[in-house]
Amino acid sequence: MIAVTIAVILGVLAGLYVPYNLSSETLPYVAVGLLAVMDTVFGGIWSYFERRFNLTMFVSGLVSNSILAILFVLMGNKLGLDLSLAVVVVFGVRIFNNLSSIRHFLFKRYSRKERIRARLLEASTQNQKNDE
């Protein structure tokens, strides 16, 4: 997971600081490719929390999702259809589902820790009162 985090940070930094020019013809392909990458990253984070993260599956999903999304848009353009909207909807729903699952997991984990911390504090206070 550390390698994935480092790779994502390096990718974001490279995207911010490396000069690039996107033409209006390549922009839809880049957009759906980025959505596919974001979907894979959030899916990887969620699988890490579920303790089933596999780096090989992550990388293969990243590559195959990106290629498939780009091919969908390319095929739609060749047929005169705007299939990029379909790709955006599918990946958007998956991203929000993964993000929701991550949020629920973290909320439950944080709430559980807070309840345990409150019980320990209460027991400690009770022990101090009994010692007096």
N, C-alpha and C. Protein backbone atom coordinates (compact mmCIF):
# COMPACT_ATOMS: atom_id res chain seq x y z
N MET A 1 0.82 -1.19 0.00
CA MET A 1 0.00 0.00 0.00
C MET A 1 0.87 1.26 0.00
N ILE A 2 2.01 1.17 0.63
CA ILE A 2 2.92 2.32 0.66
C ILE A 2 3.41 2.63 -0.76
N ALA A 3 3.72 1.58 -1.52
CA ALA A 3 4.18 1.78 -2.90
C ALA A 3 3.09 2.46 -3.73
N VAL A 4 1.85 2.08 -3.52
CA VAL A 4 0.74 2.67 -4.27
C VAL A 4 0.59 4.15 -3.89
N THR A 5 0.68 4.44 -2.59
CA THR A 5 0.56 5.82 -2.13
C THR A 5 1.67 6.69 -2.71
N ILE A 6 2.89 6.18 -2.70
CA ILE A 6 4.02 6.92 -3.27
C ILE A 6 3.81 7.14 -4.76
N ALA A 7 3.35 6.10 -5.46
CA ALA A 7 3.12 6.23 -6.90
C ALA A 7 2.04 7.26 -7.21
N VAL A 8 0.98 7.28 -6.42
CA VAL A 8 -0.09 8.26 -6.63
C VAL A 8 0.44 9.67 -6.39
N ILE A 9 1.20 9.86 -5.32
CA ILE A 9 1.75 11.19 -5.02
C ILE A 9 2.69 11.64 -6.13
N LEU A 10 3.56 10.73 -6.58
CA LEU A 10 4.48 11.08 -7.68
C LEU A 10 3.72 11.41 -8.96
N GLY A 11 2.67 10.66 -9.22
CA GLY A 11 1.86 10.92 -10.41
C GLY A 11 1.17 12.27 -10.36
N VAL A 12 0.64 12.62 -9.20
CA VAL A 12 -0.01 13.92 -9.04
C VAL A 12 1.01 15.04 -9.20
N LEU A 13 2.18 14.88 -8.56
CA LEU A 13 3.22 15.90 -8.68
C LEU A 13 3.70 16.04 -10.13
N ALA A 14 3.87 14.92 -10.82
CA ALA A 14 4.27 14.98 -12.23
C ALA A 14 3.20 15.68 -13.06
N GLY A 15 1.95 15.39 -12.77
CA GLY A 15 0.87 16.05 -13.50
C GLY A 15 0.80 17.54 -13.26
N LEU A 16 1.18 17.96 -12.07
CA LEU A 16 1.14 19.39 -11.75
C LEU A 16 2.32 20.16 -12.32
N TYR A 17 3.49 19.53 -12.36
CA TYR A 17 4.70 20.27 -12.70
C TYR A 17 5.29 19.97 -14.07
N VAL A 18 4.88 18.92 -14.74
CA VAL A 18 5.40 18.63 -16.07
C VAL A 18 4.50 19.34 -17.09
N PRO A 19 5.09 20.17 -17.94
CA PRO A 19 4.27 20.90 -18.92
C PRO A 19 3.69 19.93 -19.97
N TYR A 20 2.46 20.13 -20.31
CA TYR A 20 1.80 19.30 -21.30
C TYR A 20 0.73 20.12 -22.01
N ASN A 21 0.39 19.71 -23.19
CA ASN A 21 -0.68 20.34 -23.96
C ASN A 21 -1.66 19.27 -24.39
N LEU A 22 -2.91 19.50 -24.09
CA LEU A 22 -3.95 18.57 -24.50
C LEU A 22 -4.80 19.23 -25.58
N SER A 23 -4.95 18.55 -26.68
CA SER A 23 -5.83 19.07 -27.72
C SER A 23 -7.27 18.69 -27.38
N SER A 24 -8.19 19.35 -28.02
CA SER A 24 -9.60 19.06 -27.76
C SER A 24 -9.97 17.65 -28.23
N GLU A 25 -9.17 17.08 -29.12
CA GLU A 25 -9.45 15.72 -29.60
C GLU A 25 -9.02 14.66 -28.60
N THR A 26 -7.96 14.93 -27.84
CA THR A 26 -7.46 13.93 -26.89
C THR A 26 -8.07 14.09 -25.50
N LEU A 27 -8.70 15.22 -25.23
CA LEU A 27 -9.23 15.49 -23.90
C LEU A 27 -10.23 14.45 -23.41
N PRO A 28 -11.19 13.98 -24.22
CA PRO A 28 -12.13 12.95 -23.71
C PRO A 28 -11.41 11.66 -23.31
N TYR A 29 -10.37 11.30 -24.02
CA TYR A 29 -9.64 10.07 -23.70
C TYR A 29 -8.88 10.21 -22.38
N VAL A 30 -8.28 11.35 -22.19
CA VAL A 30 -7.56 11.60 -20.95
C VAL A 30 -8.53 11.64 -19.77
N ALA A 31 -9.68 12.27 -19.98
CA ALA A 31 -10.67 12.39 -18.91
C ALA A 31 -11.17 11.02 -18.44
N VAL A 32 -11.55 10.16 -19.38
CA VAL A 32 -12.05 8.85 -18.96
C VAL A 32 -10.92 7.97 -18.43
N GLY A 33 -9.71 8.17 -18.95
CA GLY A 33 -8.56 7.45 -18.40
C GLY A 33 -8.33 7.82 -16.95
N LEU A 34 -8.42 9.13 -16.64
CA LEU A 34 -8.26 9.58 -15.26
C LEU A 34 -9.37 9.06 -14.36
N LEU A 35 -10.59 9.02 -14.87
CA LEU A 35 -11.69 8.46 -14.08
C LEU A 35 -11.45 6.98 -13.78
N ALA A 36 -10.95 6.25 -14.76
CA ALA A 36 -10.65 4.84 -14.55
C ALA A 36 -9.56 4.67 -13.49
N VAL A 37 -8.56 5.54 -13.53
CA VAL A 37 -7.49 5.48 -12.53
C VAL A 37 -8.04 5.80 -11.15
N MET A 38 -8.88 6.84 -11.05
CA MET A 38 -9.46 7.19 -9.76
C MET A 38 -10.31 6.06 -9.21
N ASP A 39 -11.08 5.41 -10.08
CA ASP A 39 -11.88 4.27 -9.65
C ASP A 39 -11.00 3.17 -9.09
N THR A 40 -9.90 2.88 -9.76
CA THR A 40 -8.99 1.83 -9.31
C THR A 40 -8.32 2.20 -8.00
N VAL A 41 -7.95 3.46 -7.85
CA VAL A 41 -7.30 3.90 -6.61
C VAL A 41 -8.27 3.78 -5.43
N PHE A 42 -9.49 4.27 -5.58
CA PHE A 42 -10.45 4.15 -4.49
C PHE A 42 -10.81 2.68 -4.21
N GLY A 43 -10.88 1.86 -5.26
CA GLY A 43 -11.10 0.43 -5.06
C GLY A 43 -9.93 -0.21 -4.32
N GLY A 44 -8.71 0.22 -4.63
CA GLY A 44 -7.53 -0.29 -3.93
C GLY A 44 -7.52 0.10 -2.47
N ILE A 45 -7.90 1.35 -2.18
CA ILE A 45 -7.97 1.79 -0.78
C ILE A 45 -9.01 0.97 -0.03
N TRP A 46 -10.15 0.76 -0.64
CA TRP A 46 -11.21 -0.01 0.00
C TRP A 46 -10.77 -1.46 0.23
N SER A 47 -10.12 -2.06 -0.76
CA SER A 47 -9.66 -3.45 -0.58
C SER A 47 -8.56 -3.52 0.48
N TYR A 48 -7.76 -2.47 0.63
CA TYR A 48 -6.76 -2.43 1.70
C TYR A 48 -7.44 -2.46 3.07
N PHE A 49 -8.49 -1.67 3.22
CA PHE A 49 -9.21 -1.66 4.49
C PHE A 49 -9.88 -3.00 4.76
N GLU A 50 -10.30 -3.69 3.71
CA GLU A 50 -10.90 -5.02 3.87
C GLU A 50 -9.85 -6.12 4.03
N ARG A 51 -8.58 -5.74 3.98
CA ARG A 51 -7.44 -6.65 4.12
C ARG A 51 -7.39 -7.70 3.00
N ARG A 52 -7.71 -7.26 1.80
CA ARG A 52 -7.63 -8.15 0.64
C ARG A 52 -6.92 -7.48 -0.53
N PHE A 53 -6.08 -6.47 -0.23
CA PHE A 53 -5.36 -5.75 -1.28
C PHE A 53 -4.29 -6.65 -1.89
N ASN A 54 -4.22 -6.63 -3.22
CA ASN A 54 -3.23 -7.39 -3.96
C ASN A 54 -2.65 -6.44 -5.01
N LEU A 55 -1.35 -6.20 -4.93
CA LEU A 55 -0.72 -5.23 -5.82
C LEU A 55 -0.85 -5.63 -7.29
N THR A 56 -0.73 -6.91 -7.58
CA THR A 56 -0.86 -7.38 -8.97
C THR A 56 -2.26 -7.10 -9.50
N MET A 57 -3.27 -7.38 -8.68
CA MET A 57 -4.64 -7.10 -9.09
C MET A 57 -4.85 -5.59 -9.27
N PHE A 58 -4.26 -4.81 -8.38
CA PHE A 58 -4.39 -3.36 -8.46
C PHE A 58 -3.82 -2.83 -9.78
N VAL A 59 -2.60 -3.22 -10.09
CA VAL A 59 -1.94 -2.73 -11.31
C VAL A 59 -2.68 -3.22 -12.55
N SER A 60 -3.08 -4.48 -12.56
CA SER A 60 -3.79 -5.00 -13.73
C SER A 60 -5.14 -4.31 -13.88
N GLY A 61 -5.81 -4.03 -12.77
CA GLY A 61 -7.08 -3.30 -12.84
C GLY A 61 -6.89 -1.88 -13.33
N LEU A 62 -5.82 -1.24 -12.88
CA LEU A 62 -5.52 0.12 -13.30
C LEU A 62 -5.32 0.18 -14.81
N VAL A 63 -4.51 -0.72 -15.32
CA VAL A 63 -4.21 -0.73 -16.75
C VAL A 63 -5.44 -1.14 -17.57
N SER A 64 -6.08 -2.23 -17.17
CA SER A 64 -7.21 -2.73 -17.98
C SER A 64 -8.41 -1.78 -17.94
N ASN A 65 -8.70 -1.19 -16.77
CA ASN A 65 -9.82 -0.23 -16.70
C ASN A 65 -9.54 0.98 -17.58
N SER A 66 -8.31 1.49 -17.53
CA SER A 66 -7.97 2.66 -18.33
C SER A 66 -8.06 2.37 -19.81
N ILE A 67 -7.50 1.25 -20.22
CA ILE A 67 -7.53 0.88 -21.64
C ILE A 67 -8.97 0.66 -22.11
N LEU A 68 -9.76 -0.04 -21.30
CA LEU A 68 -11.14 -0.31 -21.69
C LEU A 68 -11.94 0.99 -21.79
N ALA A 69 -11.76 1.90 -20.85
CA ALA A 69 -12.48 3.17 -20.90
C ALA A 69 -12.10 3.97 -22.15
N ILE A 70 -10.81 4.02 -22.44
CA ILE A 70 -10.35 4.76 -23.61
C ILE A 70 -10.86 4.11 -24.90
N LEU A 71 -10.84 2.78 -24.96
CA LEU A 71 -11.36 2.09 -26.14
C LEU A 71 -12.86 2.31 -26.33
N PHE A 72 -13.59 2.39 -25.22
CA PHE A 72 -15.03 2.66 -25.30
C PHE A 72 -15.27 4.01 -25.95
N VAL A 73 -14.55 5.02 -25.50
CA VAL A 73 -14.72 6.36 -26.06
C VAL A 73 -14.28 6.38 -27.52
N LEU A 74 -13.17 5.71 -27.84
CA LEU A 74 -12.70 5.65 -29.22
C LEU A 74 -13.73 4.97 -30.11
N MET A 75 -14.29 3.85 -29.64
CA MET A 75 -15.30 3.14 -30.41
C MET A 75 -16.54 4.02 -30.61
N GLY A 76 -16.93 4.72 -29.56
CA GLY A 76 -18.08 5.62 -29.67
C GLY A 76 -17.83 6.73 -30.67
N ASN A 77 -16.63 7.29 -30.66
CA ASN A 77 -16.31 8.34 -31.62
C ASN A 77 -16.33 7.82 -33.05
N LYS A 78 -15.84 6.61 -33.25
CA LYS A 78 -15.85 6.01 -34.61
C LYS A 78 -17.28 5.75 -35.09
N LEU A 79 -18.18 5.43 -34.15
CA LEU A 79 -19.57 5.16 -34.51
C LEU A 79 -20.45 6.41 -34.50
N GLY A 80 -19.88 7.52 -34.06
CA GLY A 80 -20.65 8.76 -33.99
C GLY A 80 -21.50 8.86 -32.75
N LEU A 81 -21.15 8.11 -31.72
CA LEU A 81 -21.89 8.12 -30.45
C LEU A 81 -21.01 8.71 -29.36
N ASP A 82 -21.64 9.32 -28.37
CA ASP A 82 -20.88 9.85 -27.23
C ASP A 82 -20.91 8.82 -26.10
N LEU A 83 -20.04 7.83 -26.18
CA LEU A 83 -19.99 6.80 -25.15
C LEU A 83 -19.20 7.25 -23.92
N SER A 84 -18.57 8.42 -24.00
CA SER A 84 -17.83 8.90 -22.83
C SER A 84 -18.78 9.15 -21.67
N LEU A 85 -20.01 9.53 -21.94
CA LEU A 85 -20.98 9.73 -20.88
C LEU A 85 -21.27 8.43 -20.15
N ALA A 86 -21.37 7.34 -20.88
CA ALA A 86 -21.60 6.03 -20.25
C ALA A 86 -20.43 5.66 -19.35
N VAL A 87 -19.22 5.91 -19.81
CA VAL A 87 -18.02 5.61 -19.02
C VAL A 87 -17.99 6.47 -17.77
N VAL A 88 -18.32 7.74 -17.92
CA VAL A 88 -18.33 8.65 -16.77
C VAL A 88 -19.36 8.19 -15.74
N VAL A 89 -20.53 7.79 -16.18
CA VAL A 89 -21.56 7.33 -15.25
C VAL A 89 -21.11 6.08 -14.52
N VAL A 90 -20.60 5.10 -15.24
CA VAL A 90 -20.19 3.84 -14.62
C VAL A 90 -19.07 4.07 -13.61
N PHE A 91 -18.03 4.76 -14.02
CA PHE A 91 -16.92 4.98 -13.10
C PHE A 91 -17.31 5.93 -11.97
N GLY A 92 -18.16 6.90 -12.27
CA GLY A 92 -18.63 7.80 -11.22
C GLY A 92 -19.38 7.06 -10.13
N VAL A 93 -20.28 6.17 -10.52
CA VAL A 93 -21.02 5.38 -9.54
C VAL A 93 -20.07 4.51 -8.72
N ARG A 94 -19.12 3.88 -9.38
CA ARG A 94 -18.15 3.02 -8.66
C ARG A 94 -17.28 3.83 -7.71
N ILE A 95 -16.85 5.00 -8.13
CA ILE A 95 -16.04 5.85 -7.27
C ILE A 95 -16.83 6.24 -6.03
N PHE A 96 -18.07 6.70 -6.21
CA PHE A 96 -18.87 7.10 -5.06
C PHE A 96 -19.21 5.92 -4.15
N ASN A 97 -19.43 4.74 -4.72
CA ASN A 97 -19.67 3.56 -3.88
C ASN A 97 -18.45 3.22 -3.05
N ASN A 98 -17.27 3.22 -3.68
CA ASN A 98 -16.04 2.93 -2.93
C ASN A 98 -15.78 3.99 -1.87
N LEU A 99 -15.98 5.24 -2.22
CA LEU A 99 -15.77 6.32 -1.26
C LEU A 99 -16.75 6.20 -0.09
N SER A 100 -17.98 5.84 -0.38
CA SER A 100 -18.97 5.64 0.68
C SER A 100 -18.57 4.48 1.60
N SER A 101 -18.10 3.40 1.02
CA SER A 101 -17.66 2.25 1.82
C SER A 101 -16.46 2.62 2.70
N ILE A 102 -15.52 3.38 2.15
CA ILE A 102 -14.36 3.82 2.92
C ILE A 102 -14.80 4.72 4.07
N ARG A 103 -15.70 5.63 3.78
CA ARG A 103 -16.20 6.55 4.81
C ARG A 103 -16.91 5.80 5.92
N HIS A 104 -17.76 4.85 5.58
CA HIS A 104 -18.47 4.04 6.59
C HIS A 104 -17.47 3.26 7.44
N PHE A 105 -16.49 2.66 6.78
CA PHE A 105 -15.49 1.89 7.51
C PHE A 105 -14.75 2.77 8.51
N LEU A 106 -14.28 3.92 8.05
CA LEU A 106 -13.53 4.83 8.92
C LEU A 106 -14.42 5.38 10.05
N PHE A 107 -15.66 5.65 9.74
CA PHE A 107 -16.57 6.15 10.77
C PHE A 107 -16.79 5.10 11.86
N LYS A 108 -17.03 3.86 11.44
CA LYS A 108 -17.22 2.78 12.42
C LYS A 108 -15.96 2.59 13.25
N ARG A 109 -14.83 2.61 12.60
CA ARG A 109 -13.56 2.41 13.29
C ARG A 109 -13.31 3.54 14.28
N TYR A 110 -13.54 4.78 13.85
CA TYR A 110 -13.32 5.93 14.72
C TYR A 110 -14.32 5.91 15.88
N SER A 111 -15.58 5.60 15.59
CA SER A 111 -16.60 5.56 16.64
C SER A 111 -16.27 4.49 17.68
N ARG A 112 -15.81 3.33 17.22
CA ARG A 112 -15.46 2.25 18.14
C ARG A 112 -14.31 2.66 19.04
N LYS A 113 -13.30 3.31 18.48
CA LYS A 113 -12.16 3.76 19.28
C LYS A 113 -12.61 4.80 20.30
N GLU A 114 -13.51 5.69 19.90
CA GLU A 114 -14.00 6.70 20.83
C GLU A 114 -14.79 6.06 21.97
N ARG A 115 -15.60 5.05 21.68
CA ARG A 115 -16.36 4.37 22.73
C ARG A 115 -15.42 3.66 23.70
N ILE A 116 -14.39 3.01 23.15
CA ILE A 116 -13.42 2.33 24.00
C ILE A 116 -12.67 3.34 24.85
N ARG A 117 -12.27 4.44 24.25
CA ARG A 117 -11.55 5.49 24.98
C ARG A 117 -12.42 6.06 26.09
N ALA A 118 -13.71 6.28 25.83
CA ALA A 118 -14.63 6.81 26.84
C ALA A 118 -14.81 5.82 27.98
N ARG A 119 -14.91 4.53 27.65
CA ARG A 119 -15.05 3.51 28.71
C ARG A 119 -13.81 3.44 29.58
N LEU A 120 -12.64 3.50 28.95
CA LEU A 120 -11.39 3.47 29.71
C LEU A 120 -11.27 4.70 30.60
N LEU A 121 -11.65 5.86 30.10
CA LEU A 121 -11.61 7.08 30.89
C LEU A 121 -12.58 6.99 32.06
N GLU A 122 -13.75 6.45 31.80
CA GLU A 122 -14.76 6.29 32.86
C GLU A 122 -14.27 5.31 33.92
N ALA A 123 -13.67 4.21 33.48
CA ALA A 123 -13.15 3.23 34.44
C ALA A 123 -12.00 3.83 35.24
N SER A 124 -11.15 4.60 34.59
CA SER A 124 -10.03 5.24 35.28
C SER A 124 -10.54 6.24 36.32
N THR A 125 -11.54 7.02 35.95
CA THR A 125 -12.13 7.98 36.89
C THR A 125 -12.77 7.25 38.06
N GLN A 126 -13.45 6.16 37.77
CA GLN A 126 -14.11 5.37 38.82
C GLN A 126 -13.07 4.78 39.77
N ASN A 127 -11.97 4.29 39.24
CA ASN A 127 -10.90 3.73 40.07
C ASN A 127 -10.28 4.81 40.96
N GLN A 128 -10.10 6.01 40.41
CA GLN A 128 -9.54 7.10 41.22
C GLN A 128 -10.48 7.47 42.36
N LYS A 129 -11.80 7.46 42.11
CA LYS A 129 -12.78 7.77 43.15
C LYS A 129 -12.76 6.69 44.22
N ASN A 130 -12.63 5.43 43.80
CA ASN A 130 -12.61 4.33 44.76
C ASN A 130 -11.34 4.36 45.61
N ASP A 131 -10.23 4.80 45.05
CA ASP A 131 -8.97 4.86 45.78
C ASP A 131 -9.00 5.97 46.84
N GLU A 132 -9.79 6.98 46.64
CA GLU A 132 -9.85 8.09 47.59
C GLU A 132 -10.69 7.68 48.73
